[in-house]
């Protein structure tokens, strides 16, 4: 059976995609190292307290999800107000 001429080109697209993902993973790792080192330096100098960065990150995460929560609560309340058959 003869393969189409686009098959090898398609394979290289997957190789390029895998390489791009590997580059992103490397950048992510280096960024996490930098943030961790920065947090440790700030704690060592007494600028922030132990665990303060984690607390702030958790608060930011909750705040980012905030706009989604009222919509869910509204649906739940609306469902509880429906007349039952």
N, C-alpha and C. Protein backbone atom coordinates (compact mmCIF):
# COMPACT_ATOMS: atom_id res chain seq x y z
N UNK A 1 0.82 -1.17 0.00
CA UNK A 1 0.00 0.00 0.00
C UNK A 1 0.88 1.25 0.00
N UNK A 2 0.49 2.23 -0.74
CA UNK A 2 1.27 3.45 -0.85
C UNK A 2 0.76 4.49 0.15
N UNK A 3 1.72 5.11 0.88
CA UNK A 3 1.36 6.15 1.84
C UNK A 3 1.24 7.48 1.12
N UNK A 4 0.38 8.31 1.64
CA UNK A 4 0.23 9.63 1.03
C UNK A 4 1.46 10.47 1.35
N UNK A 5 1.73 11.45 0.52
CA UNK A 5 2.91 12.28 0.69
C UNK A 5 2.79 13.20 1.90
N UNK A 6 1.59 13.39 2.42
CA UNK A 6 1.42 14.28 3.56
C UNK A 6 1.72 13.60 4.89
N UNK A 7 1.82 12.27 4.93
CA UNK A 7 2.06 11.55 6.18
C UNK A 7 3.39 11.94 6.82
N UNK A 8 4.51 12.00 6.11
CA UNK A 8 5.76 12.40 6.77
C UNK A 8 5.70 13.85 7.29
N UNK A 9 5.08 14.72 6.53
CA UNK A 9 4.95 16.10 6.99
C UNK A 9 4.12 16.20 8.25
N UNK A 10 3.10 15.39 8.31
CA UNK A 10 2.23 15.36 9.49
C UNK A 10 2.99 14.87 10.71
N UNK A 11 3.86 13.90 10.52
CA UNK A 11 4.67 13.37 11.62
C UNK A 11 5.57 14.47 12.18
N UNK A 12 6.15 15.29 11.32
CA UNK A 12 7.01 16.37 11.79
C UNK A 12 6.22 17.42 12.56
N UNK A 13 4.95 17.59 12.25
CA UNK A 13 4.12 18.51 13.03
C UNK A 13 4.00 18.03 14.47
N UNK A 14 3.86 16.72 14.65
CA UNK A 14 3.78 16.16 16.00
C UNK A 14 5.11 16.30 16.73
N UNK A 15 6.22 16.13 16.01
CA UNK A 15 7.54 16.32 16.61
C UNK A 15 7.71 17.76 17.06
N UNK A 16 7.31 18.70 16.21
CA UNK A 16 7.40 20.12 16.57
C UNK A 16 6.53 20.44 17.78
N UNK A 17 5.33 19.86 17.81
CA UNK A 17 4.43 20.08 18.94
C UNK A 17 5.03 19.54 20.23
N UNK A 18 5.60 18.35 20.17
CA UNK A 18 6.23 17.76 21.35
C UNK A 18 7.41 18.61 21.82
N UNK A 19 8.17 19.14 20.89
CA UNK A 19 9.30 20.01 21.26
C UNK A 19 8.81 21.30 21.91
N UNK A 20 7.73 21.85 21.40
CA UNK A 20 7.18 23.07 21.98
C UNK A 20 6.69 22.82 23.40
N UNK A 21 6.06 21.67 23.62
CA UNK A 21 5.58 21.32 24.96
C UNK A 21 6.77 21.13 25.91
N UNK A 22 7.83 20.50 25.43
CA UNK A 22 9.03 20.33 26.25
C UNK A 22 9.63 21.68 26.63
N UNK A 23 9.66 22.62 25.69
CA UNK A 23 10.17 23.96 25.98
C UNK A 23 9.32 24.65 27.03
N UNK A 24 7.99 24.51 26.92
CA UNK A 24 7.10 25.12 27.91
C UNK A 24 7.30 24.52 29.30
N UNK A 25 7.51 23.21 29.35
CA UNK A 25 7.75 22.56 30.63
C UNK A 25 9.04 23.07 31.26
N UNK A 26 10.06 23.25 30.45
CA UNK A 26 11.33 23.77 30.95
C UNK A 26 11.17 25.19 31.48
N UNK A 27 10.44 26.04 30.76
CA UNK A 27 10.19 27.41 31.20
C UNK A 27 9.38 27.42 32.50
N UNK A 28 8.41 26.55 32.59
CA UNK A 28 7.58 26.45 33.78
C UNK A 28 8.42 26.05 34.99
N UNK A 29 9.28 25.07 34.80
CA UNK A 29 10.16 24.60 35.88
C UNK A 29 11.06 25.74 36.36
N UNK A 30 11.68 26.45 35.43
CA UNK A 30 12.58 27.55 35.80
C UNK A 30 11.82 28.68 36.51
N UNK A 31 10.61 28.95 36.06
CA UNK A 31 9.80 29.98 36.71
C UNK A 31 9.45 29.57 38.14
N UNK A 32 9.09 28.31 38.34
CA UNK A 32 8.79 27.84 39.69
C UNK A 32 10.02 27.92 40.59
N UNK A 33 11.19 27.61 40.06
CA UNK A 33 12.41 27.73 40.84
C UNK A 33 12.65 29.19 41.26
N UNK A 34 12.45 30.11 40.33
CA UNK A 34 12.66 31.52 40.62
C UNK A 34 11.67 32.02 41.67
N UNK A 35 10.41 31.65 41.55
CA UNK A 35 9.40 32.07 42.52
C UNK A 35 9.70 31.47 43.89
N UNK A 36 10.10 30.21 43.93
CA UNK A 36 10.45 29.59 45.20
C UNK A 36 11.64 30.26 45.86
N UNK A 37 12.66 30.58 45.07
CA UNK A 37 13.84 31.26 45.61
C UNK A 37 13.47 32.65 46.12
N UNK A 38 12.63 33.35 45.38
CA UNK A 38 12.18 34.68 45.80
C UNK A 38 11.41 34.61 47.11
N UNK A 39 10.52 33.64 47.22
CA UNK A 39 9.74 33.48 48.45
C UNK A 39 10.65 33.19 49.64
N UNK A 40 11.63 32.31 49.44
CA UNK A 40 12.56 31.99 50.53
C UNK A 40 13.38 33.20 50.93
N UNK A 41 13.81 33.99 49.95
CA UNK A 41 14.59 35.19 50.25
C UNK A 41 13.75 36.20 51.03
N UNK A 42 12.50 36.38 50.63
CA UNK A 42 11.62 37.32 51.33
C UNK A 42 11.35 36.87 52.77
N UNK A 43 11.16 35.57 52.96
CA UNK A 43 10.95 35.05 54.31
C UNK A 43 12.21 35.19 55.15
N UNK A 44 13.38 34.92 54.57
CA UNK A 44 14.63 35.03 55.30
C UNK A 44 14.91 36.46 55.75
N UNK A 45 14.48 37.43 54.96
CA UNK A 45 14.70 38.83 55.31
C UNK A 45 13.58 39.39 56.19
N UNK A 46 12.57 38.60 56.47
CA UNK A 46 11.48 39.03 57.33
C UNK A 46 10.46 39.92 56.64
N UNK A 47 10.50 39.97 55.32
CA UNK A 47 9.54 40.80 54.57
C UNK A 47 8.16 40.16 54.62
N UNK A 48 8.12 38.85 54.51
CA UNK A 48 6.86 38.11 54.62
C UNK A 48 7.06 37.01 55.66
N UNK A 49 5.97 36.61 56.28
CA UNK A 49 6.04 35.57 57.29
C UNK A 49 5.95 34.19 56.65
N UNK A 50 6.32 33.16 57.42
CA UNK A 50 6.21 31.80 56.90
C UNK A 50 4.76 31.47 56.54
N UNK A 51 4.56 30.95 55.36
CA UNK A 51 3.22 30.57 54.92
C UNK A 51 2.38 31.71 54.40
N UNK A 52 2.86 32.94 54.51
CA UNK A 52 2.07 34.09 54.05
C UNK A 52 1.85 34.04 52.54
N UNK A 53 2.86 33.62 51.81
CA UNK A 53 2.73 33.53 50.36
C UNK A 53 1.67 32.49 49.98
N UNK A 54 1.66 31.36 50.69
CA UNK A 54 0.64 30.34 50.43
C UNK A 54 -0.76 30.87 50.72
N UNK A 55 -0.88 31.61 51.82
CA UNK A 55 -2.19 32.19 52.17
C UNK A 55 -2.67 33.17 51.10
N UNK A 56 -1.76 34.01 50.65
CA UNK A 56 -2.13 34.97 49.62
C UNK A 56 -2.49 34.29 48.31
N UNK A 57 -1.75 33.24 47.96
CA UNK A 57 -2.05 32.50 46.73
C UNK A 57 -3.43 31.84 46.82
N UNK A 58 -3.74 31.28 47.98
CA UNK A 58 -5.06 30.66 48.17
C UNK A 58 -6.16 31.71 48.06
N UNK A 59 -5.93 32.90 48.62
CA UNK A 59 -6.93 33.97 48.54
C UNK A 59 -7.12 34.42 47.09
N UNK A 60 -6.02 34.57 46.36
CA UNK A 60 -6.14 34.95 44.95
C UNK A 60 -6.90 33.90 44.15
N UNK A 61 -6.64 32.63 44.47
CA UNK A 61 -7.34 31.55 43.78
C UNK A 61 -8.83 31.61 44.06
N UNK A 62 -9.20 31.83 45.32
CA UNK A 62 -10.62 31.96 45.66
C UNK A 62 -11.25 33.16 44.97
N UNK A 63 -10.53 34.29 44.96
CA UNK A 63 -11.05 35.50 44.32
C UNK A 63 -11.23 35.30 42.82
N UNK A 64 -10.33 34.54 42.21
CA UNK A 64 -10.43 34.31 40.76
C UNK A 64 -11.66 33.46 40.44
N UNK A 65 -12.03 32.57 41.35
CA UNK A 65 -13.20 31.73 41.15
C UNK A 65 -14.48 32.41 41.61
N UNK A 66 -14.36 33.54 42.27
CA UNK A 66 -15.50 34.24 42.84
C UNK A 66 -16.65 34.49 41.88
N UNK A 67 -16.39 35.04 40.69
CA UNK A 67 -17.49 35.31 39.77
C UNK A 67 -18.25 34.06 39.35
N UNK A 68 -17.63 32.90 39.44
CA UNK A 68 -18.30 31.67 39.05
C UNK A 68 -19.22 31.15 40.16
N UNK A 69 -18.87 31.41 41.39
CA UNK A 69 -19.64 30.85 42.51
C UNK A 69 -21.07 31.37 42.61
N UNK A 70 -21.32 32.68 42.49
CA UNK A 70 -22.71 33.13 42.62
C UNK A 70 -23.63 32.51 41.57
N UNK A 71 -23.09 32.27 40.39
CA UNK A 71 -23.91 31.66 39.33
C UNK A 71 -24.34 30.26 39.74
N UNK A 72 -23.42 29.50 40.33
CA UNK A 72 -23.76 28.15 40.79
C UNK A 72 -24.79 28.23 41.91
N UNK A 73 -24.59 29.16 42.84
CA UNK A 73 -25.51 29.29 43.96
C UNK A 73 -26.89 29.70 43.47
N UNK A 74 -26.94 30.58 42.47
CA UNK A 74 -28.22 31.02 41.92
C UNK A 74 -28.95 29.84 41.30
N UNK A 75 -28.23 29.00 40.58
CA UNK A 75 -28.86 27.82 39.99
C UNK A 75 -29.40 26.90 41.06
N UNK A 76 -28.63 26.71 42.12
CA UNK A 76 -29.07 25.81 43.20
C UNK A 76 -30.31 26.37 43.87
N UNK A 77 -30.34 27.68 44.11
CA UNK A 77 -31.52 28.28 44.73
C UNK A 77 -32.72 28.20 43.81
N UNK A 78 -32.50 28.44 42.53
CA UNK A 78 -33.61 28.36 41.57
C UNK A 78 -34.16 26.96 41.49
N UNK A 79 -33.29 25.97 41.57
CA UNK A 79 -33.74 24.59 41.53
C UNK A 79 -34.53 24.24 42.79
N UNK A 80 -34.14 24.81 43.93
CA UNK A 80 -34.85 24.49 45.16
C UNK A 80 -36.21 25.17 45.24
N UNK A 81 -36.42 26.22 44.46
CA UNK A 81 -37.70 26.94 44.47
C UNK A 81 -38.71 26.39 43.47
N UNK A 82 -38.28 25.46 42.65
CA UNK A 82 -39.20 24.91 41.65
C UNK A 82 -40.32 24.14 42.35
N UNK A 83 -41.52 24.29 41.84
CA UNK A 83 -42.62 23.52 42.45
C UNK A 83 -42.44 22.03 42.13
N UNK A 84 -42.75 21.25 43.10
CA UNK A 84 -42.62 19.79 42.92
C UNK A 84 -43.93 19.21 42.46
N UNK A 85 -43.83 18.24 41.59
CA UNK A 85 -45.04 17.63 41.03
C UNK A 85 -45.62 16.59 41.94
